[in-house]
Amino acid sequence: DNGHPLRPPDPSHAAYWTGSAIITPEAVHKALEHLKMHKASGSDGIPAALQKLGADSLAERLALIFNESLATGTYPSCYKLAQICPFYKKGDRSVASNYRPVSLLPIVTKLLETFVLKQLQEHTSPDSTFSLPPEQFAYRAAHSTEETLSFVINE
């Protein structure tokens, strides 16, 4: 979206994290290979099966895009587009309130989000310099709402 061809991230850029934050083509290839074939394609209309089959051709290019996004702090606008679909909850199917909206994002968007989540979890793990306080329960693996309630009640 910045009008220039993608290039490897510039390590001197202020938004550049650490060497461990680079997303490798091998990691992208592995993620593409593990895509579930039945997943709905997003607003780009590219099915998971096609992306999985094209992993050899896509991995390096997607790694460049992902790393450029992390290095510059920008997010490609085409990754922000979602297809909104009604999802039936329960009750009478003819009643609109028995549906909730579901946003179908492009599969590559979900891949990038997965890599960012993994890096954030590593960055805030108990072994990290930036570990989260024990009172932080949301968005952490192995921390349930029951633990949050127990903490609040017992404090």
N, C-alpha and C. Protein backbone atom coordinates (compact mmCIF):
# COMPACT_ATOMS: atom_id res chain seq x y z
N ASP A 1 0.79 -1.21 0.00
CA ASP A 1 0.00 0.00 0.00
C ASP A 1 0.83 1.27 0.00
N ASN A 2 2.16 1.14 0.13
CA ASN A 2 2.98 2.35 0.17
C ASN A 2 3.55 2.69 -1.20
N GLY A 3 3.12 1.99 -2.26
CA GLY A 3 3.47 2.36 -3.61
C GLY A 3 4.81 1.88 -4.10
N HIS A 4 5.57 1.16 -3.32
CA HIS A 4 6.86 0.67 -3.79
C HIS A 4 6.90 -0.86 -3.72
N PRO A 5 7.77 -1.46 -4.53
CA PRO A 5 7.85 -2.92 -4.50
C PRO A 5 8.27 -3.42 -3.13
N LEU A 6 7.81 -4.60 -2.79
CA LEU A 6 8.19 -5.16 -1.49
C LEU A 6 9.67 -5.47 -1.47
N ARG A 7 10.27 -5.20 -0.37
CA ARG A 7 11.69 -5.48 -0.19
C ARG A 7 11.86 -6.08 1.20
N PRO A 8 13.00 -6.72 1.47
CA PRO A 8 13.20 -7.27 2.81
C PRO A 8 13.13 -6.15 3.85
N PRO A 9 12.71 -6.47 5.08
CA PRO A 9 12.62 -5.45 6.12
C PRO A 9 13.96 -4.79 6.39
N ASP A 10 13.92 -3.52 6.71
CA ASP A 10 15.12 -2.77 7.04
C ASP A 10 15.34 -2.85 8.55
N PRO A 11 16.44 -3.52 8.99
CA PRO A 11 16.67 -3.68 10.43
C PRO A 11 16.84 -2.36 11.18
N SER A 12 17.15 -1.27 10.48
CA SER A 12 17.31 0.00 11.17
C SER A 12 15.97 0.70 11.40
N HIS A 13 14.90 0.19 10.80
CA HIS A 13 13.57 0.79 10.95
C HIS A 13 13.13 0.69 12.40
N ALA A 14 12.53 1.75 12.91
CA ALA A 14 12.15 1.81 14.33
C ALA A 14 11.16 0.72 14.72
N ALA A 15 10.30 0.30 13.78
CA ALA A 15 9.28 -0.69 14.10
C ALA A 15 9.80 -2.12 14.01
N TYR A 16 11.03 -2.28 13.58
CA TYR A 16 11.60 -3.62 13.43
C TYR A 16 11.81 -4.21 14.82
N TRP A 17 11.34 -5.43 15.04
CA TRP A 17 11.40 -6.01 16.38
C TRP A 17 12.77 -6.60 16.65
N THR A 18 12.85 -7.92 16.60
CA THR A 18 14.12 -8.59 16.83
C THR A 18 14.32 -9.62 15.73
N GLY A 19 15.51 -10.18 15.66
CA GLY A 19 15.80 -11.20 14.66
C GLY A 19 14.84 -12.36 14.76
N SER A 20 14.35 -12.67 15.96
CA SER A 20 13.44 -13.80 16.12
C SER A 20 12.05 -13.49 15.58
N ALA A 21 11.77 -12.23 15.29
CA ALA A 21 10.44 -11.86 14.82
C ALA A 21 10.29 -12.03 13.31
N ILE A 22 11.38 -12.32 12.61
CA ILE A 22 11.27 -12.50 11.17
C ILE A 22 10.50 -13.77 10.86
N ILE A 23 9.57 -13.64 9.95
CA ILE A 23 8.77 -14.78 9.52
C ILE A 23 9.46 -15.39 8.30
N THR A 24 9.89 -16.61 8.43
CA THR A 24 10.65 -17.26 7.37
C THR A 24 9.72 -17.87 6.31
N PRO A 25 10.22 -17.99 5.08
CA PRO A 25 9.44 -18.68 4.05
C PRO A 25 9.10 -20.12 4.47
N GLU A 26 10.01 -20.76 5.20
CA GLU A 26 9.77 -22.13 5.67
C GLU A 26 8.58 -22.18 6.63
N ALA A 27 8.49 -21.19 7.51
CA ALA A 27 7.37 -21.14 8.46
C ALA A 27 6.06 -20.89 7.72
N VAL A 28 6.09 -20.02 6.73
CA VAL A 28 4.88 -19.75 5.94
C VAL A 28 4.49 -21.00 5.16
N HIS A 29 5.47 -21.67 4.58
CA HIS A 29 5.20 -22.90 3.82
C HIS A 29 4.53 -23.94 4.72
N LYS A 30 5.07 -24.10 5.92
CA LYS A 30 4.51 -25.07 6.87
C LYS A 30 3.06 -24.70 7.22
N ALA A 31 2.81 -23.40 7.45
CA ALA A 31 1.46 -22.94 7.79
C ALA A 31 0.51 -23.19 6.62
N LEU A 32 0.97 -22.94 5.41
CA LEU A 32 0.13 -23.19 4.23
C LEU A 32 -0.17 -24.67 4.07
N GLU A 33 0.82 -25.51 4.33
CA GLU A 33 0.62 -26.96 4.21
C GLU A 33 -0.40 -27.47 5.23
N HIS A 34 -0.53 -26.79 6.35
CA HIS A 34 -1.44 -27.23 7.41
C HIS A 34 -2.83 -26.60 7.32
N LEU A 35 -3.09 -25.85 6.25
CA LEU A 35 -4.43 -25.27 6.08
C LEU A 35 -5.46 -26.37 5.96
N LYS A 36 -6.60 -26.15 6.57
CA LYS A 36 -7.70 -27.09 6.44
C LYS A 36 -8.41 -26.80 5.12
N MET A 37 -8.56 -27.83 4.32
CA MET A 37 -9.10 -27.67 2.97
C MET A 37 -10.54 -27.15 2.96
N HIS A 38 -11.31 -27.40 4.00
CA HIS A 38 -12.73 -27.01 4.02
C HIS A 38 -12.95 -25.58 4.49
N LYS A 39 -11.89 -24.87 4.91
CA LYS A 39 -12.06 -23.50 5.40
C LYS A 39 -12.61 -22.61 4.30
N ALA A 40 -13.52 -21.73 4.69
CA ALA A 40 -14.12 -20.80 3.73
C ALA A 40 -13.09 -19.78 3.27
N SER A 41 -13.12 -19.49 1.98
CA SER A 41 -12.25 -18.43 1.48
C SER A 41 -12.85 -17.10 1.91
N GLY A 42 -12.03 -16.11 2.04
CA GLY A 42 -12.51 -14.80 2.48
C GLY A 42 -12.91 -13.93 1.31
N SER A 43 -12.78 -12.63 1.50
CA SER A 43 -13.19 -11.67 0.49
C SER A 43 -12.38 -11.77 -0.79
N ASP A 44 -11.18 -12.37 -0.72
CA ASP A 44 -10.37 -12.52 -1.93
C ASP A 44 -10.83 -13.68 -2.80
N GLY A 45 -11.66 -14.57 -2.24
CA GLY A 45 -12.20 -15.69 -3.00
C GLY A 45 -11.19 -16.79 -3.30
N ILE A 46 -10.02 -16.76 -2.68
CA ILE A 46 -9.00 -17.78 -2.94
C ILE A 46 -9.17 -18.91 -1.94
N PRO A 47 -9.57 -20.09 -2.42
CA PRO A 47 -9.83 -21.20 -1.50
C PRO A 47 -8.55 -21.72 -0.84
N ALA A 48 -8.74 -22.28 0.35
CA ALA A 48 -7.62 -22.84 1.11
C ALA A 48 -6.91 -23.92 0.31
N ALA A 49 -7.66 -24.73 -0.40
CA ALA A 49 -7.06 -25.82 -1.18
C ALA A 49 -6.07 -25.28 -2.20
N LEU A 50 -6.41 -24.20 -2.86
CA LEU A 50 -5.51 -23.61 -3.86
C LEU A 50 -4.25 -23.06 -3.20
N GLN A 51 -4.42 -22.41 -2.05
CA GLN A 51 -3.25 -21.86 -1.34
C GLN A 51 -2.36 -22.98 -0.82
N LYS A 52 -2.98 -24.04 -0.37
CA LYS A 52 -2.22 -25.19 0.13
C LYS A 52 -1.43 -25.83 -1.01
N LEU A 53 -2.08 -26.01 -2.15
CA LEU A 53 -1.41 -26.60 -3.31
C LEU A 53 -0.31 -25.69 -3.86
N GLY A 54 -0.48 -24.38 -3.70
CA GLY A 54 0.51 -23.42 -4.21
C GLY A 54 1.54 -22.99 -3.18
N ALA A 55 1.66 -23.73 -2.09
CA ALA A 55 2.57 -23.35 -1.00
C ALA A 55 3.99 -23.11 -1.48
N ASP A 56 4.48 -23.93 -2.41
CA ASP A 56 5.86 -23.76 -2.90
C ASP A 56 6.06 -22.41 -3.56
N SER A 57 5.06 -21.94 -4.30
CA SER A 57 5.16 -20.66 -5.00
C SER A 57 4.83 -19.46 -4.11
N LEU A 58 3.97 -19.68 -3.13
CA LEU A 58 3.48 -18.57 -2.30
C LEU A 58 4.35 -18.24 -1.10
N ALA A 59 5.01 -19.22 -0.53
CA ALA A 59 5.67 -19.05 0.77
C ALA A 59 6.65 -17.89 0.81
N GLU A 60 7.53 -17.81 -0.15
CA GLU A 60 8.54 -16.75 -0.13
C GLU A 60 7.91 -15.37 -0.30
N ARG A 61 6.95 -15.28 -1.20
CA ARG A 61 6.29 -13.99 -1.45
C ARG A 61 5.49 -13.54 -0.22
N LEU A 62 4.76 -14.46 0.38
CA LEU A 62 3.99 -14.10 1.58
C LEU A 62 4.91 -13.73 2.74
N ALA A 63 6.03 -14.43 2.88
CA ALA A 63 6.99 -14.08 3.94
C ALA A 63 7.49 -12.65 3.76
N LEU A 64 7.76 -12.25 2.52
CA LEU A 64 8.18 -10.87 2.24
C LEU A 64 7.10 -9.87 2.65
N ILE A 65 5.86 -10.17 2.27
CA ILE A 65 4.74 -9.27 2.60
C ILE A 65 4.56 -9.19 4.11
N PHE A 66 4.58 -10.34 4.78
CA PHE A 66 4.39 -10.37 6.23
C PHE A 66 5.49 -9.59 6.93
N ASN A 67 6.74 -9.81 6.54
CA ASN A 67 7.85 -9.11 7.19
C ASN A 67 7.84 -7.62 6.91
N GLU A 68 7.45 -7.24 5.71
CA GLU A 68 7.32 -5.81 5.39
C GLU A 68 6.24 -5.18 6.26
N SER A 69 5.15 -5.88 6.46
CA SER A 69 4.07 -5.38 7.29
C SER A 69 4.56 -5.18 8.73
N LEU A 70 5.28 -6.16 9.27
CA LEU A 70 5.80 -6.03 10.64
C LEU A 70 6.85 -4.93 10.74
N ALA A 71 7.73 -4.83 9.74
CA ALA A 71 8.82 -3.87 9.79
C ALA A 71 8.33 -2.43 9.69
N THR A 72 7.28 -2.21 8.90
CA THR A 72 6.81 -0.85 8.67
C THR A 72 5.62 -0.47 9.54
N GLY A 73 5.02 -1.47 10.18
CA GLY A 73 3.84 -1.18 10.98
C GLY A 73 2.62 -0.89 10.13
N THR A 74 2.63 -1.34 8.88
CA THR A 74 1.49 -1.15 8.00
C THR A 74 0.85 -2.49 7.71
N TYR A 75 -0.40 -2.44 7.29
CA TYR A 75 -1.17 -3.64 7.03
C TYR A 75 -1.80 -3.49 5.66
N PRO A 76 -1.52 -4.40 4.73
CA PRO A 76 -2.10 -4.25 3.38
C PRO A 76 -3.63 -4.11 3.44
N SER A 77 -4.14 -3.12 2.75
CA SER A 77 -5.58 -2.85 2.82
C SER A 77 -6.41 -4.02 2.30
N CYS A 78 -5.88 -4.79 1.36
CA CYS A 78 -6.65 -5.93 0.84
C CYS A 78 -6.84 -7.00 1.91
N TYR A 79 -5.99 -7.00 2.94
CA TYR A 79 -6.13 -7.96 4.05
C TYR A 79 -7.21 -7.52 5.03
N LYS A 80 -7.65 -6.27 4.92
CA LYS A 80 -8.65 -5.74 5.84
C LYS A 80 -10.08 -5.97 5.37
N LEU A 81 -10.23 -6.37 4.13
CA LEU A 81 -11.56 -6.56 3.56
C LEU A 81 -12.16 -7.87 4.04
N ALA A 82 -13.39 -7.81 4.49
CA ALA A 82 -14.07 -9.01 4.98
C ALA A 82 -15.38 -9.18 4.25
N GLN A 83 -15.75 -10.41 4.07
CA GLN A 83 -17.07 -10.75 3.53
C GLN A 83 -17.94 -11.07 4.73
N ILE A 84 -19.01 -10.32 4.92
CA ILE A 84 -19.90 -10.52 6.07
C ILE A 84 -21.02 -11.48 5.65
N CYS A 85 -21.14 -12.56 6.44
CA CYS A 85 -22.16 -13.58 6.16
C CYS A 85 -23.02 -13.79 7.40
N PRO A 86 -24.32 -14.02 7.21
CA PRO A 86 -25.17 -14.35 8.36
C PRO A 86 -24.90 -15.79 8.81
N PHE A 87 -24.79 -15.99 10.10
CA PHE A 87 -24.55 -17.32 10.66
C PHE A 87 -25.70 -17.65 11.60
N TYR A 88 -26.42 -18.72 11.30
CA TYR A 88 -27.58 -19.11 12.08
C TYR A 88 -27.17 -19.55 13.48
N LYS A 89 -27.86 -19.03 14.51
CA LYS A 89 -27.61 -19.42 15.90
C LYS A 89 -28.60 -20.49 16.32
N LYS A 90 -29.86 -20.10 16.52
CA LYS A 90 -30.91 -21.05 16.90
C LYS A 90 -32.26 -20.38 16.75
N GLY A 91 -33.30 -21.20 16.82
CA GLY A 91 -34.66 -20.66 16.73
C GLY A 91 -35.17 -20.66 15.30
N ASP A 92 -36.16 -19.81 15.10
CA ASP A 92 -36.83 -19.70 13.80
C ASP A 92 -35.88 -19.09 12.77
N ARG A 93 -35.63 -19.82 11.70
CA ARG A 93 -34.70 -19.36 10.67
C ARG A 93 -35.22 -18.14 9.90
N SER A 94 -36.49 -17.84 10.02
CA SER A 94 -37.04 -16.68 9.31
C SER A 94 -36.92 -15.39 10.12
N VAL A 95 -36.37 -15.47 11.34
CA VAL A 95 -36.21 -14.30 12.21
C VAL A 95 -34.76 -13.83 12.16
N ALA A 96 -34.57 -12.60 11.74
CA ALA A 96 -33.22 -12.06 11.54
C ALA A 96 -32.39 -12.08 12.83
N SER A 97 -33.01 -11.88 14.00
CA SER A 97 -32.24 -11.84 15.25
C SER A 97 -31.68 -13.21 15.65
N ASN A 98 -32.07 -14.26 14.93
CA ASN A 98 -31.53 -15.59 15.21
C ASN A 98 -30.25 -15.86 14.42
N TYR A 99 -29.71 -14.82 13.82
CA TYR A 99 -28.46 -14.91 13.08
C TYR A 99 -27.47 -13.92 13.67
N ARG A 100 -26.19 -14.23 13.53
CA ARG A 100 -25.16 -13.27 13.91
C ARG A 100 -24.23 -13.08 12.72
N PRO A 101 -23.64 -11.91 12.60
CA PRO A 101 -22.74 -11.69 11.47
C PRO A 101 -21.39 -12.37 11.70
N VAL A 102 -20.85 -12.94 10.65
CA VAL A 102 -19.53 -13.56 10.68
C VAL A 102 -18.70 -12.90 9.59
N SER A 103 -17.51 -12.46 9.94
CA SER A 103 -16.60 -11.85 8.98
C SER A 103 -15.66 -12.90 8.42
N LEU A 104 -15.71 -13.09 7.12
CA LEU A 104 -14.79 -14.01 6.47
C LEU A 104 -13.62 -13.21 5.91
N LEU A 105 -12.47 -13.36 6.53
CA LEU A 105 -11.26 -12.66 6.11
C LEU A 105 -10.47 -13.54 5.16
N PRO A 106 -9.62 -12.94 4.32
CA PRO A 106 -8.76 -13.75 3.47
C PRO A 106 -7.90 -14.69 4.34
N ILE A 107 -7.64 -15.87 3.83
CA ILE A 107 -6.86 -16.85 4.58
C ILE A 107 -5.47 -16.32 4.91
N VAL A 108 -4.86 -15.56 4.00
CA VAL A 108 -3.52 -15.02 4.28
C VAL A 108 -3.57 -14.04 5.45
N THR A 109 -4.69 -13.36 5.63
CA THR A 109 -4.84 -12.47 6.79
C THR A 109 -4.76 -13.27 8.08
N LYS A 110 -5.46 -14.41 8.09
CA LYS A 110 -5.45 -15.26 9.28
C LYS A 110 -4.05 -15.84 9.52
N LEU A 111 -3.33 -16.15 8.45
CA LEU A 111 -1.95 -16.64 8.61
C LEU A 111 -1.07 -15.59 9.28
N LEU A 112 -1.14 -14.35 8.79
CA LEU A 112 -0.34 -13.28 9.38
C LEU A 112 -0.73 -13.06 10.84
N GLU A 113 -2.01 -13.07 11.13
CA GLU A 113 -2.46 -12.89 12.51
C GLU A 113 -1.94 -14.00 13.41
N THR A 114 -1.86 -15.21 12.89
CA THR A 114 -1.34 -16.34 13.66
C THR A 114 0.13 -16.12 14.00
N PHE A 115 0.91 -15.65 13.02
CA PHE A 115 2.33 -15.38 13.27
C PHE A 115 2.50 -14.25 14.30
N VAL A 116 1.70 -13.21 14.18
CA VAL A 116 1.78 -12.09 15.14
C VAL A 116 1.40 -12.57 16.54
N LEU A 117 0.34 -13.36 16.64
CA LEU A 117 -0.07 -13.89 17.94
C LEU A 117 1.04 -14.72 18.57
N LYS A 118 1.65 -15.58 17.78
CA LYS A 118 2.75 -16.42 18.29
C LYS A 118 3.90 -15.56 18.81
N GLN A 119 4.24 -14.51 18.06
CA GLN A 119 5.33 -13.63 18.49
C GLN A 119 4.95 -12.87 19.76
N LEU A 120 3.71 -12.42 19.85
CA LEU A 120 3.28 -11.72 21.06
C LEU A 120 3.30 -12.65 22.27
N GLN A 121 2.87 -13.89 22.06
CA GLN A 121 2.89 -14.86 23.15
C GLN A 121 4.32 -15.15 23.60
N GLU A 122 5.24 -15.27 22.65
CA GLU A 122 6.64 -15.49 23.01
C GLU A 122 7.20 -14.27 23.74
N HIS A 123 6.82 -13.09 23.26
CA HIS A 123 7.33 -11.84 23.82
C HIS A 123 6.82 -11.60 25.24
N THR A 124 5.64 -12.11 25.55
CA THR A 124 5.05 -11.88 26.86
C THR A 124 5.01 -13.14 27.72
N SER A 125 5.75 -14.17 27.33
CA SER A 125 5.77 -15.41 28.10
C SER A 125 6.44 -15.19 29.46
N PRO A 126 6.22 -16.07 30.42
CA PRO A 126 6.84 -15.91 31.74
C PRO A 126 8.37 -15.87 31.69
N ASP A 127 8.97 -16.45 30.67
CA ASP A 127 10.43 -16.45 30.53
C ASP A 127 10.95 -15.17 29.92
N SER A 128 10.07 -14.32 29.42
CA SER A 128 10.47 -13.10 28.73
C SER A 128 10.69 -11.96 29.71
N THR A 129 11.49 -11.01 29.27
CA THR A 129 11.71 -9.78 30.04
C THR A 129 10.41 -9.01 30.19
N PHE A 130 9.52 -9.16 29.23
CA PHE A 130 8.27 -8.41 29.22
C PHE A 130 7.09 -9.29 29.60
N SER A 131 7.26 -10.17 30.55
CA SER A 131 6.17 -11.08 30.91
C SER A 131 4.98 -10.31 31.47
N LEU A 132 3.83 -10.85 31.25
CA LEU A 132 2.60 -10.23 31.74
C LEU A 132 2.43 -10.53 33.23
N PRO A 133 1.76 -9.63 33.95
CA PRO A 133 1.52 -9.89 35.37
C PRO A 133 0.60 -11.09 35.55
N PRO A 134 0.68 -11.78 36.67
CA PRO A 134 -0.16 -12.96 36.88
C PRO A 134 -1.66 -12.64 36.88
N GLU A 135 -2.02 -11.37 37.09
CA GLU A 135 -3.43 -10.97 37.08
C GLU A 135 -4.00 -10.85 35.67
N GLN A 136 -3.15 -10.95 34.66
CA GLN A 136 -3.60 -10.86 33.27
C GLN A 136 -4.03 -12.24 32.80
N PHE A 137 -5.33 -12.40 32.55
CA PHE A 137 -5.86 -13.70 32.13
C PHE A 137 -6.26 -13.72 30.66
N ALA A 138 -6.73 -12.61 30.14
CA ALA A 138 -7.24 -12.58 28.77
C ALA A 138 -6.13 -12.80 27.75
N TYR A 139 -6.47 -13.50 26.69
CA TYR A 139 -5.59 -13.72 25.55
C TYR A 139 -4.32 -14.48 25.90
N ARG A 140 -4.39 -15.31 26.92
CA ARG A 140 -3.23 -16.11 27.31
C ARG A 140 -3.63 -17.58 27.30
N ALA A 141 -2.73 -18.40 26.78
CA ALA A 141 -2.97 -19.84 26.76
C ALA A 141 -3.05 -20.36 28.19
N ALA A 142 -3.89 -21.34 28.40
CA ALA A 142 -4.06 -22.01 29.70
C ALA A 142 -4.56 -21.08 30.80
N HIS A 143 -5.26 -20.01 30.44
CA HIS A 143 -5.87 -19.11 31.41
C HIS A 143 -7.35 -18.98 31.06
N SER A 144 -8.19 -19.50 31.91
CA SER A 144 -9.62 -19.55 31.60
C SER A 144 -10.40 -18.46 32.33
N THR A 145 -11.66 -18.31 31.95
CA THR A 145 -12.53 -17.36 32.63
C THR A 145 -12.79 -17.82 34.06
N GLU A 146 -12.77 -19.12 34.29
CA GLU A 146 -12.95 -19.63 35.65
C GLU A 146 -11.81 -19.16 36.56
N GLU A 147 -10.60 -19.16 36.03
CA GLU A 147 -9.46 -18.67 36.82
C GLU A 147 -9.60 -17.18 37.13
N THR A 148 -10.10 -16.44 36.16
CA THR A 148 -10.32 -15.00 36.36
C THR A 148 -11.34 -14.78 37.46
N LEU A 149 -12.46 -15.49 37.41
CA LEU A 149 -13.48 -15.35 38.43
C LEU A 149 -12.95 -15.74 39.80
N SER A 150 -12.21 -16.82 39.85
CA SER A 150 -11.62 -17.27 41.12
C SER A 150 -10.68 -16.22 41.69
N PHE A 151 -9.88 -15.63 40.82
CA PHE A 151 -8.95 -14.58 41.25
C PHE A 151 -9.70 -13.38 41.82
N VAL A 152 -10.73 -12.94 41.11
CA VAL A 152 -11.50 -11.76 41.52
C VAL A 152 -12.22 -12.03 42.83
N ILE A 153 -12.82 -13.20 42.99
CA ILE A 153 -13.55 -13.53 44.19
C ILE A 153 -12.62 -13.67 45.41
N ASN A 154 -11.45 -14.23 45.20
CA ASN A 154 -10.53 -14.51 46.30
C ASN A 154 -9.64 -13.32 46.66
N GLU A 155 -9.64 -12.28 45.86
CA GLU A 155 -8.79 -11.12 46.17
C GLU A 155 -9.54 -10.08 46.96
